[in-house]
Amino acid sequence: MLAGLAVAALLLGAAAADEIPPAERRSGFDQMAPETRAMQADDTANPGMLWVQDGADSFARAPSPGAPACATCHSEASLRGVSARYPAWDAASAQPVDLEGRITLCRTRHQAATPLPREGRDLLALTAYLGHLSRGSAIAPPDDSRLAPARAEGRRLFTTPMGQLGFSCAACHDAQWGRRLGASTIPQGHPTGYPLYRLEWQDLGSLERRFRNCLTGMRAEPLSPGSAEAVALTLYLMQRAAPLPVESPAVRP
């Protein structure tokens, strides 16, 4: 309750700032304590690398006898940078899909396998593995006109006041970034490192998990996992973060 009141006191009445110019975009990595930055930078100390290894194993292993493994069709070289280019348009379903959605479509269409649960370890591991292959690639969502409606919806979700506290994502991450909220510095809120290991969670988590945390703190209705709204918000945030580099698996407080 006190945390909610503190947030409200900081943000109440704050107008959303204009989108942060590319030259001023900063990863949350820049605002972390030196020891947390060191943990992310050292793969032997980064806990997220445990999921990356599991993802590499899953990538090379067939989901069932007779089914092709991911590695049968895709090489590591062909997948470098892929995390920086999602969400993207899926022509067969005529809708945008995030990276988790693409993995699910590949499993169901090409491997005759069941979808992996959102936020389950197996799906997190595969997305962390793909993120790790893309580490250092500049975020560059597709310049595809078919994505424009979803991107606009994502921007609307980001900038519209919501929940019982009545403020928006933008009122915090656009208008107040760099200021202090209690003991923490408000980040710009870029999705450069997901899935990432958060010390608060003691676990690897997806961007959708972070959405749930933020919306719950705003006393707003969380987005359904894999929903069109969640994908739209992800799409807008990836555009908003470009051209920052992919950091996955990042570490955050």
C-alpha atoms as a PDB file:
ATOM      1  CA  MET A   1       0.000   0.000   0.000  1.00  0.00           C
ATOM      2  CA  LEU A   2       2.756   2.429   0.938  1.00  0.00           C
ATOM      3  CA  ALA A   3       4.630   1.579  -2.260  1.00  0.00           C
ATOM      4  CA  GLY A   4       1.514   2.285  -4.280  1.00  0.00           C
ATOM      5  CA  LEU A   5       1.042   5.626  -2.567  1.00  0.00           C
ATOM      6  CA  ALA A   6       4.675   6.527  -3.230  1.00  0.00           C
ATOM      7  CA  VAL A   7       4.291   5.728  -6.902  1.00  0.00           C
ATOM      8  CA  ALA A   8       1.067   7.729  -7.081  1.00  0.00           C
ATOM      9  CA  ALA A   9       2.688  10.701  -5.375  1.00  0.00           C
ATOM     10  CA  LEU A  10       5.508  10.678  -7.901  1.00  0.00           C
ATOM     11  CA  LEU A  11       3.406  10.176 -11.003  1.00  0.00           C
ATOM     12  CA  LEU A  12       0.002  11.653 -10.305  1.00  0.00           C
ATOM     13  CA  GLY A  13      -0.691  14.324 -12.836  1.00  0.00           C
ATOM     14  CA  ALA A  14       2.521  13.698 -14.763  1.00  0.00           C
ATOM     15  CA  ALA A  15       1.951  13.985 -18.491  1.00  0.00           C
ATOM     16  CA  ALA A  16       3.549  11.393 -20.721  1.00  0.00           C
ATOM     17  CA  ALA A  17       6.674  12.763 -22.340  1.00  0.00           C
ATOM     18  CA  ASP A  18       7.380  12.418 -26.025  1.00  0.00           C
ATOM     19  CA  GLU A  19       9.019   9.167 -27.085  1.00  0.00           C
ATOM     20  CA  ILE A  20      12.684   9.077 -26.082  1.00  0.00           C
ATOM     21  CA  PRO A  21      14.906   9.982 -29.087  1.00  0.00           C
ATOM     22  CA  PRO A  22      17.181   7.141 -30.290  1.00  0.00           C
ATOM     23  CA  ALA A  23      20.354   8.962 -29.212  1.00  0.00           C
ATOM     24  CA  GLU A  24      19.032   9.249 -25.651  1.00  0.00           C
ATOM     25  CA  ARG A  25      17.871   5.659 -25.210  1.00  0.00           C
ATOM     26  CA  ARG A  26      19.594   3.836 -22.359  1.00  0.00           C
ATOM     27  CA  SER A  27      19.498   0.242 -21.225  1.00  0.00           C
ATOM     28  CA  GLY A  28      18.631  -0.486 -17.610  1.00  0.00           C
ATOM     29  CA  PHE A  29      22.112  -2.038 -17.466  1.00  0.00           C
ATOM     30  CA  ASP A  30      23.549   1.476 -17.223  1.00  0.00           C
ATOM     31  CA  GLN A  31      21.681   2.178 -13.968  1.00  0.00           C
ATOM     32  CA  MET A  32      22.563  -0.998 -12.108  1.00  0.00           C
ATOM     33  CA  ALA A  33      25.060  -1.397  -9.293  1.00  0.00           C
ATOM     34  CA  PRO A  34      28.583  -2.376 -10.441  1.00  0.00           C
ATOM     35  CA  GLU A  35      28.304  -5.856  -8.936  1.00  0.00           C
ATOM     36  CA  THR A  36      25.053  -6.542 -10.840  1.00  0.00           C
ATOM     37  CA  ARG A  37      26.584  -5.322 -14.097  1.00  0.00           C
ATOM     38  CA  ALA A  38      29.551  -7.604 -13.456  1.00  0.00           C
ATOM     39  CA  MET A  39      27.200 -10.566 -12.921  1.00  0.00           C
ATOM     40  CA  GLN A  40      25.539  -9.980 -16.284  1.00  0.00           C
ATOM     41  CA  ALA A  41      28.827  -9.447 -18.105  1.00  0.00           C
ATOM     42  CA  ASP A  42      30.403 -12.680 -16.835  1.00  0.00           C
ATOM     43  CA  ASP A  43      28.749 -15.750 -18.389  1.00  0.00           C
ATOM     44  CA  THR A  44      30.177 -17.935 -15.632  1.00  0.00           C
ATOM     45  CA  ALA A  45      28.352 -15.824 -13.020  1.00  0.00           C
ATOM     46  CA  ASN A  46      25.191 -14.972 -14.965  1.00  0.00           C
ATOM     47  CA  PRO A  47      22.410 -17.307 -13.689  1.00  0.00           C
ATOM     48  CA  GLY A  48      20.515 -16.906 -16.959  1.00  0.00           C
ATOM     49  CA  MET A  49      23.157 -18.961 -18.743  1.00  0.00           C
ATOM     50  CA  LEU A  50      21.712 -22.091 -17.082  1.00  0.00           C
ATOM     51  CA  TRP A  51      18.551 -21.563 -19.148  1.00  0.00           C
ATOM     52  CA  VAL A  52      20.620 -20.840 -22.259  1.00  0.00           C
ATOM     53  CA  GLN A  53      22.314 -24.232 -21.930  1.00  0.00           C
ATOM     54  CA  ASP A  54      18.957 -25.951 -21.462  1.00  0.00           C
ATOM     55  CA  GLY A  55      17.688 -24.133 -24.552  1.00  0.00           C
ATOM     56  CA  ALA A  56      20.687 -25.258 -26.593  1.00  0.00           C
ATOM     57  CA  ASP A  57      19.981 -28.850 -25.549  1.00  0.00           C
ATOM     58  CA  SER A  58      16.305 -28.522 -26.515  1.00  0.00           C
ATOM     59  CA  PHE A  59      17.262 -26.956 -29.834  1.00  0.00           C
ATOM     60  CA  ALA A  60      19.394 -29.981 -30.714  1.00  0.00           C
ATOM     61  CA  ARG A  61      16.913 -32.586 -29.439  1.00  0.00           C
ATOM     62  CA  ALA A  62      13.813 -33.827 -31.285  1.00  0.00           C
ATOM     63  CA  PRO A  63      10.623 -33.210 -29.279  1.00  0.00           C
ATOM     64  CA  SER A  64       9.455 -36.773 -30.015  1.00  0.00           C
ATOM     65  CA  PRO A  65      10.676 -39.847 -31.942  1.00  0.00           C
ATOM     66  CA  GLY A  66      10.503 -39.255 -35.671  1.00  0.00           C
ATOM     67  CA  ALA A  67      10.038 -35.478 -35.354  1.00  0.00           C
ATOM     68  CA  PRO A  68      12.760 -33.116 -36.580  1.00  0.00           C
ATOM     69  CA  ALA A  69      14.795 -31.161 -34.057  1.00  0.00           C
ATOM     70  CA  CYS A  70      14.999 -27.383 -34.374  1.00  0.00           C
ATOM     71  CA  ALA A  71      18.624 -27.869 -35.435  1.00  0.00           C
ATOM     72  CA  THR A  72      17.482 -29.998 -38.385  1.00  0.00           C
ATOM     73  CA  CYS A  73      16.138 -26.887 -40.129  1.00  0.00           C
ATOM     74  CA  HIS A  74      18.018 -24.044 -38.442  1.00  0.00           C
ATOM     75  CA  SER A  75      21.699 -23.428 -37.805  1.00  0.00           C
ATOM     76  CA  GLU A  76      22.978 -21.157 -35.061  1.00  0.00           C
ATOM     77  CA  ALA A  77      24.379 -18.837 -37.728  1.00  0.00           C
ATOM     78  CA  SER A  78      20.960 -18.488 -39.385  1.00  0.00           C
ATOM     79  CA  LEU A  79      19.377 -17.461 -36.087  1.00  0.00           C
ATOM     80  CA  ARG A  80      21.833 -14.765 -35.052  1.00  0.00           C
ATOM     81  CA  GLY A  81      19.911 -11.531 -34.659  1.00  0.00           C
ATOM     82  CA  VAL A  82      16.472 -13.163 -34.809  1.00  0.00           C
ATOM     83  CA  SER A  83      15.528 -11.966 -31.300  1.00  0.00           C
ATOM     84  CA  ALA A  84      16.151  -8.401 -32.403  1.00  0.00           C
ATOM     85  CA  ARG A  85      13.537  -8.715 -35.175  1.00  0.00           C
ATOM     86  CA  TYR A  86      10.481  -9.911 -33.259  1.00  0.00           C
ATOM     87  CA  PRO A  87       7.520  -9.544 -33.011  1.00  0.00           C
ATOM     88  CA  ALA A  88       7.011 -10.127 -36.725  1.00  0.00           C
ATOM     89  CA  TRP A  89       4.134 -10.829 -39.090  1.00  0.00           C
ATOM     90  CA  ASP A  90       2.957 -14.422 -39.537  1.00  0.00           C
ATOM     91  CA  ALA A  91       1.318 -14.713 -42.951  1.00  0.00           C
ATOM     92  CA  ALA A  92      -0.477 -17.999 -42.279  1.00  0.00           C
ATOM     93  CA  SER A  93      -2.361 -16.673 -39.249  1.00  0.00           C
ATOM     94  CA  ALA A  94      -2.437 -13.080 -40.576  1.00  0.00           C
ATOM     95  CA  GLN A  95      -1.296 -11.588 -37.292  1.00  0.00           C
ATOM     96  CA  PRO A  96       1.888 -10.485 -35.505  1.00  0.00           C
ATOM     97  CA  VAL A  97       3.595 -13.038 -33.299  1.00  0.00           C
ATOM     98  CA  ASP A  98       6.283 -12.634 -30.685  1.00  0.00           C
ATOM     99  CA  LEU A  99       9.306 -14.909 -30.453  1.00  0.00           C
ATOM    100  CA  GLU A 100       7.540 -17.282 -28.052  1.00  0.00           C
ATOM    101  CA  GLY A 101       4.641 -17.421 -30.496  1.00  0.00           C
ATOM    102  CA  ARG A 102       7.002 -18.264 -33.367  1.00  0.00           C
ATOM    103  CA  ILE A 103       8.487 -21.134 -31.358  1.00  0.00           C
ATOM    104  CA  THR A 104       4.976 -22.413 -30.692  1.00  0.00           C
ATOM    105  CA  LEU A 105       4.042 -22.197 -34.379  1.00  0.00           C
ATOM    106  CA  CYS A 106       7.206 -24.052 -35.388  1.00  0.00           C
ATOM    107  CA  ARG A 107       6.440 -26.814 -32.889  1.00  0.00           C
ATOM    108  CA  THR A 108       2.830 -27.274 -33.973  1.00  0.00           C
ATOM    109  CA  ARG A 109       3.341 -26.833 -37.744  1.00  0.00           C
ATOM    110  CA  HIS A 110       6.658 -28.557 -38.334  1.00  0.00           C
ATOM    111  CA  GLN A 111       7.340 -30.849 -35.374  1.00  0.00           C
ATOM    112  CA  ALA A 112       3.829 -32.148 -34.593  1.00  0.00           C
ATOM    113  CA  ALA A 113       4.543 -31.184 -30.997  1.00  0.00           C
ATOM    114  CA  THR A 114       2.336 -29.581 -28.356  1.00  0.00           C
ATOM    115  CA  PRO A 115       2.875 -25.914 -27.416  1.00  0.00           C
ATOM    116  CA  LEU A 116       5.187 -25.236 -24.503  1.00  0.00           C
ATOM    117  CA  PRO A 117       3.531 -23.402 -21.581  1.00  0.00           C
ATOM    118  CA  ARG A 118       4.130 -19.666 -21.442  1.00  0.00           C
ATOM    119  CA  GLU A 119       6.559 -18.870 -18.615  1.00  0.00           C
ATOM    120  CA  GLY A 120       7.478 -22.557 -18.371  1.00  0.00           C
ATOM    121  CA  ARG A 121      11.148 -23.410 -18.129  1.00  0.00           C
ATOM    122  CA  ASP A 122      11.331 -25.084 -21.543  1.00  0.00           C
ATOM    123  CA  LEU A 123       9.971 -22.085 -23.467  1.00  0.00           C
ATOM    124  CA  LEU A 124      12.035 -19.647 -21.407  1.00  0.00           C
ATOM    125  CA  ALA A 125      15.111 -21.753 -22.131  1.00  0.00           C
ATOM    126  CA  LEU A 126      14.563 -21.724 -25.892  1.00  0.00           C
ATOM    127  CA  THR A 127      13.918 -17.975 -25.987  1.00  0.00           C
ATOM    128  CA  ALA A 128      16.962 -17.349 -23.786  1.00  0.00           C
ATOM    129  CA  TYR A 129      19.068 -19.467 -26.142  1.00  0.00           C
ATOM    130  CA  LEU A 130      17.845 -17.496 -29.169  1.00  0.00           C
ATOM    131  CA  GLY A 131      18.376 -14.254 -27.284  1.00  0.00           C
ATOM    132  CA  HIS A 132      21.909 -15.272 -26.447  1.00  0.00           C
ATOM    133  CA  LEU A 133      22.595 -16.016 -30.127  1.00  0.00           C
ATOM    134  CA  SER A 134      21.396 -12.470 -30.868  1.00  0.00           C
ATOM    135  CA  ARG A 135      23.388 -10.794 -28.108  1.00  0.00           C
ATOM    136  CA  GLY A 136      24.885  -7.558 -29.381  1.00  0.00           C
ATOM    137  CA  SER A 137      22.534  -7.287 -32.377  1.00  0.00           C
ATOM    138  CA  ALA A 138      20.789  -3.934 -32.684  1.00  0.00           C
ATOM    139  CA  ILE A 139      17.063  -4.144 -32.034  1.00  0.00           C
ATOM    140  CA  ALA A 140      15.372  -3.634 -35.410  1.00  0.00           C
ATOM    141  CA  PRO A 141      11.679  -4.602 -35.619  1.00  0.00           C
ATOM    142  CA  PRO A 142      10.509  -5.337 -39.174  1.00  0.00           C
ATOM    143  CA  ASP A 143       9.537  -2.357 -41.300  1.00  0.00           C
ATOM    144  CA  ASP A 144       6.320  -4.100 -42.311  1.00  0.00           C
ATOM    145  CA  SER A 145       3.158  -2.084 -42.921  1.00  0.00           C
ATOM    146  CA  ARG A 146       1.051  -5.035 -41.781  1.00  0.00           C
ATOM    147  CA  LEU A 147       2.413  -4.492 -38.264  1.00  0.00           C
ATOM    148  CA  ALA A 148       1.330  -0.843 -38.122  1.00  0.00           C
ATOM    149  CA  PRO A 149      -2.088  -1.405 -36.457  1.00  0.00           C
ATOM    150  CA  ALA A 150      -0.580  -3.596 -33.732  1.00  0.00           C
ATOM    151  CA  ARG A 151       2.271  -1.146 -33.177  1.00  0.00           C
ATOM    152  CA  ALA A 152      -0.246   1.681 -32.805  1.00  0.00           C
ATOM    153  CA  GLU A 153      -2.241  -0.394 -30.336  1.00  0.00           C
ATOM    154  CA  GLY A 154       0.916  -1.066 -28.350  1.00  0.00           C
ATOM    155  CA  ARG A 155       1.674   2.641 -28.191  1.00  0.00           C
ATOM    156  CA  ARG A 156      -1.895   3.296 -27.035  1.00  0.00           C
ATOM    157  CA  LEU A 157      -1.527   0.741 -24.259  1.00  0.00           C
ATOM    158  CA  PHE A 158       1.796   2.288 -23.220  1.00  0.00           C
ATOM    159  CA  THR A 159       0.539   5.871 -23.103  1.00  0.00           C
ATOM    160  CA  THR A 160      -3.036   5.470 -21.810  1.00  0.00           C
ATOM    161  CA  PRO A 161      -3.687   5.897 -18.053  1.00  0.00           C
ATOM    162  CA  MET A 162      -5.120   2.710 -16.600  1.00  0.00           C
ATOM    163  CA  GLY A 163      -5.901   0.931 -13.373  1.00  0.00           C
ATOM    164  CA  GLN A 164      -7.101   2.281 -10.061  1.00  0.00           C
ATOM    165  CA  LEU A 165      -4.093   4.584  -9.759  1.00  0.00           C
ATOM    166  CA  GLY A 166      -4.830   6.103 -13.156  1.00  0.00           C
ATOM    167  CA  PHE A 167      -1.392   6.543 -14.702  1.00  0.00           C
ATOM    168  CA  SER A 168       0.324   5.129 -17.747  1.00  0.00           C
ATOM    169  CA  CYS A 169       3.534   3.244 -18.509  1.00  0.00           C
ATOM    170  CA  ALA A 170       4.768   6.352 -20.347  1.00  0.00           C
ATOM    171  CA  ALA A 171       4.181   8.599 -17.327  1.00  0.00           C
ATOM    172  CA  CYS A 172       6.874   6.596 -15.557  1.00  0.00           C
ATOM    173  CA  HIS A 173       9.293   5.356 -18.217  1.00  0.00           C
ATOM    174  CA  ASP A 174       9.135   8.302 -20.632  1.00  0.00           C
ATOM    175  CA  ALA A 175       8.440  11.241 -18.345  1.00  0.00           C
ATOM    176  CA  GLN A 176      10.261  10.235 -15.145  1.00  0.00           C
ATOM    177  CA  TRP A 177      13.172   8.026 -16.186  1.00  0.00           C
ATOM    178  CA  GLY A 178      16.399   8.700 -14.323  1.00  0.00           C
ATOM    179  CA  ARG A 179      14.594   9.982 -11.229  1.00  0.00           C
ATOM    180  CA  ARG A 180      14.493   8.093  -7.970  1.00  0.00           C
ATOM    181  CA  LEU A 181      11.564   6.103  -6.626  1.00  0.00           C
ATOM    182  CA  GLY A 182      12.545   5.110  -3.120  1.00  0.00           C
ATOM    183  CA  ALA A 183      15.930   3.410  -3.376  1.00  0.00           C
ATOM    184  CA  SER A 184      15.583   2.637  -7.081  1.00  0.00           C
ATOM    185  CA  THR A 185      16.283   4.610 -10.226  1.00  0.00           C
ATOM    186  CA  ILE A 186      13.396   4.619 -12.705  1.00  0.00           C
ATOM    187  CA  PRO A 187      14.619   3.018 -15.958  1.00  0.00           C
ATOM    188  CA  GLN A 188      13.468   3.818 -19.461  1.00  0.00           C
ATOM    189  CA  GLY A 189      11.901   0.374 -19.532  1.00  0.00           C
ATOM    190  CA  HIS A 190      13.454  -1.106 -22.681  1.00  0.00           C
ATOM    191  CA  PRO A 191      13.083  -4.867 -23.342  1.00  0.00           C
ATOM    192  CA  THR A 192      16.730  -5.350 -24.302  1.00  0.00           C
ATOM    193  CA  GLY A 193      17.499  -8.295 -22.050  1.00  0.00           C
ATOM    194  CA  TYR A 194      14.458 -10.565 -21.977  1.00  0.00           C
ATOM    195  CA  PRO A 195      14.124 -13.223 -20.952  1.00  0.00           C
ATOM    196  CA  LEU A 196      16.243 -12.053 -18.045  1.00  0.00           C
ATOM    197  CA  TYR A 197      17.227 -13.128 -14.557  1.00  0.00           C
ATOM    198  CA  ARG A 198      15.797 -10.803 -11.917  1.00  0.00           C
ATOM    199  CA  LEU A 199      17.367 -10.979  -8.480  1.00  0.00           C
ATOM    200  CA  GLU A 200      14.004 -10.076  -6.956  1.00  0.00           C
ATOM    201  CA  TRP A 201      12.471 -13.173  -8.573  1.00  0.00           C
ATOM    202  CA  GLN A 202      15.496 -15.454  -8.105  1.00  0.00           C
ATOM    203  CA  ASP A 203      14.392 -16.788 -11.475  1.00  0.00           C
ATOM    204  CA  LEU A 204      14.440 -16.172 -15.216  1.00  0.00           C
ATOM    205  CA  GLY A 205      11.322 -14.420 -16.489  1.00  0.00           C
ATOM    206  CA  SER A 206       9.776 -13.169 -19.698  1.00  0.00           C
ATOM    207  CA  LEU A 207       8.779  -9.660 -20.711  1.00  0.00           C
ATOM    208  CA  GLU A 208       5.152 -10.703 -20.185  1.00  0.00           C
ATOM    209  CA  ARG A 209       5.969 -11.495 -16.557  1.00  0.00           C
ATOM    210  CA  ARG A 210       7.274  -7.970 -16.189  1.00  0.00           C
ATOM    211  CA  PHE A 211       4.058  -6.652 -17.747  1.00  0.00           C
ATOM    212  CA  ARG A 212       2.096  -8.506 -15.068  1.00  0.00           C
ATOM    213  CA  ASN A 213       4.265  -7.070 -12.299  1.00  0.00           C
ATOM    214  CA  CYS A 214       3.892  -3.511 -13.573  1.00  0.00           C
ATOM    215  CA  LEU A 215       0.162  -3.704 -14.252  1.00  0.00           C
ATOM    216  CA  THR A 216      -0.506  -5.271 -10.872  1.00  0.00           C
ATOM    217  CA  GLY A 217       1.453  -2.444  -9.246  1.00  0.00           C
ATOM    218  CA  MET A 218      -0.713   0.019 -11.160  1.00  0.00           C
ATOM    219  CA  ARG A 219      -3.792  -1.902  -9.939  1.00  0.00           C
ATOM    220  CA  ALA A 220      -4.716  -2.603 -13.535  1.00  0.00           C
ATOM    221  CA  GLU A 221      -5.911  -5.786 -15.210  1.00  0.00           C
ATOM    222  CA  PRO A 222      -2.920  -7.892 -16.355  1.00  0.00           C
ATOM    223  CA  LEU A 223      -2.670  -8.812 -20.034  1.00  0.00           C
ATOM    224  CA  SER A 224      -3.423 -12.423 -20.917  1.00  0.00           C
ATOM    225  CA  PRO A 225      -0.255 -14.386 -21.810  1.00  0.00           C
ATOM    226  CA  GLY A 226       0.279 -14.450 -25.558  1.00  0.00           C
ATOM    227  CA  SER A 227      -2.691 -12.176 -26.178  1.00  0.00           C
ATOM    228  CA  ALA A 228      -2.898  -9.751 -29.091  1.00  0.00           C
ATOM    229  CA  GLU A 229      -2.549  -6.883 -26.595  1.00  0.00           C
ATOM    230  CA  ALA A 230       0.634  -8.350 -25.067  1.00  0.00           C
ATOM    231  CA  VAL A 231       2.170  -8.881 -28.510  1.00  0.00           C
ATOM    232  CA  ALA A 232       1.191  -5.348 -29.560  1.00  0.00           C
ATOM    233  CA  LEU A 233       2.789  -3.836 -26.477  1.00  0.00           C
ATOM    234  CA  THR A 234       5.938  -5.899 -27.054  1.00  0.00           C
ATOM    235  CA  LEU A 235       6.070  -4.718 -30.669  1.00  0.00           C
ATOM    236  CA  TYR A 236       5.823  -1.067 -29.666  1.00  0.00           C
ATOM    237  CA  LEU A 237       8.447  -1.471 -26.932  1.00  0.00           C
ATOM    238  CA  MET A 238      10.873  -3.084 -29.355  1.00  0.00           C
ATOM    239  CA  GLN A 239      10.465  -0.156 -31.739  1.00  0.00           C
ATOM    240  CA  ARG A 240      10.846   2.235 -28.810  1.00  0.00           C
ATOM    241  CA  ALA A 241      14.109   0.493 -27.813  1.00  0.00           C
ATOM    242  CA  ALA A 242      15.749   0.477 -31.265  1.00  0.00           C
ATOM    243  CA  PRO A 243      18.674   0.551 -31.921  1.00  0.00           C
ATOM    244  CA  LEU A 244      19.858  -0.609 -28.483  1.00  0.00           C
ATOM    245  CA  PRO A 245      21.594  -4.013 -28.525  1.00  0.00           C
ATOM    246  CA  VAL A 246      20.094  -7.291 -27.342  1.00  0.00           C
ATOM    247  CA  GLU A 247      21.535  -8.291 -23.935  1.00  0.00           C
ATOM    248  CA  SER A 248      19.740 -11.575 -23.235  1.00  0.00           C
ATOM    249  CA  PRO A 249      19.965 -13.135 -20.792  1.00  0.00           C
ATOM    250  CA  ALA A 250      20.310  -9.902 -18.842  1.00  0.00           C
ATOM    251  CA  VAL A 251      20.448  -9.604 -15.067  1.00  0.00           C
ATOM    252  CA  ARG A 252      18.362  -7.032 -13.213  1.00  0.00           C
ATOM    253  CA  PRO A 253      17.831  -6.216  -9.509  1.00  0.00           C
END
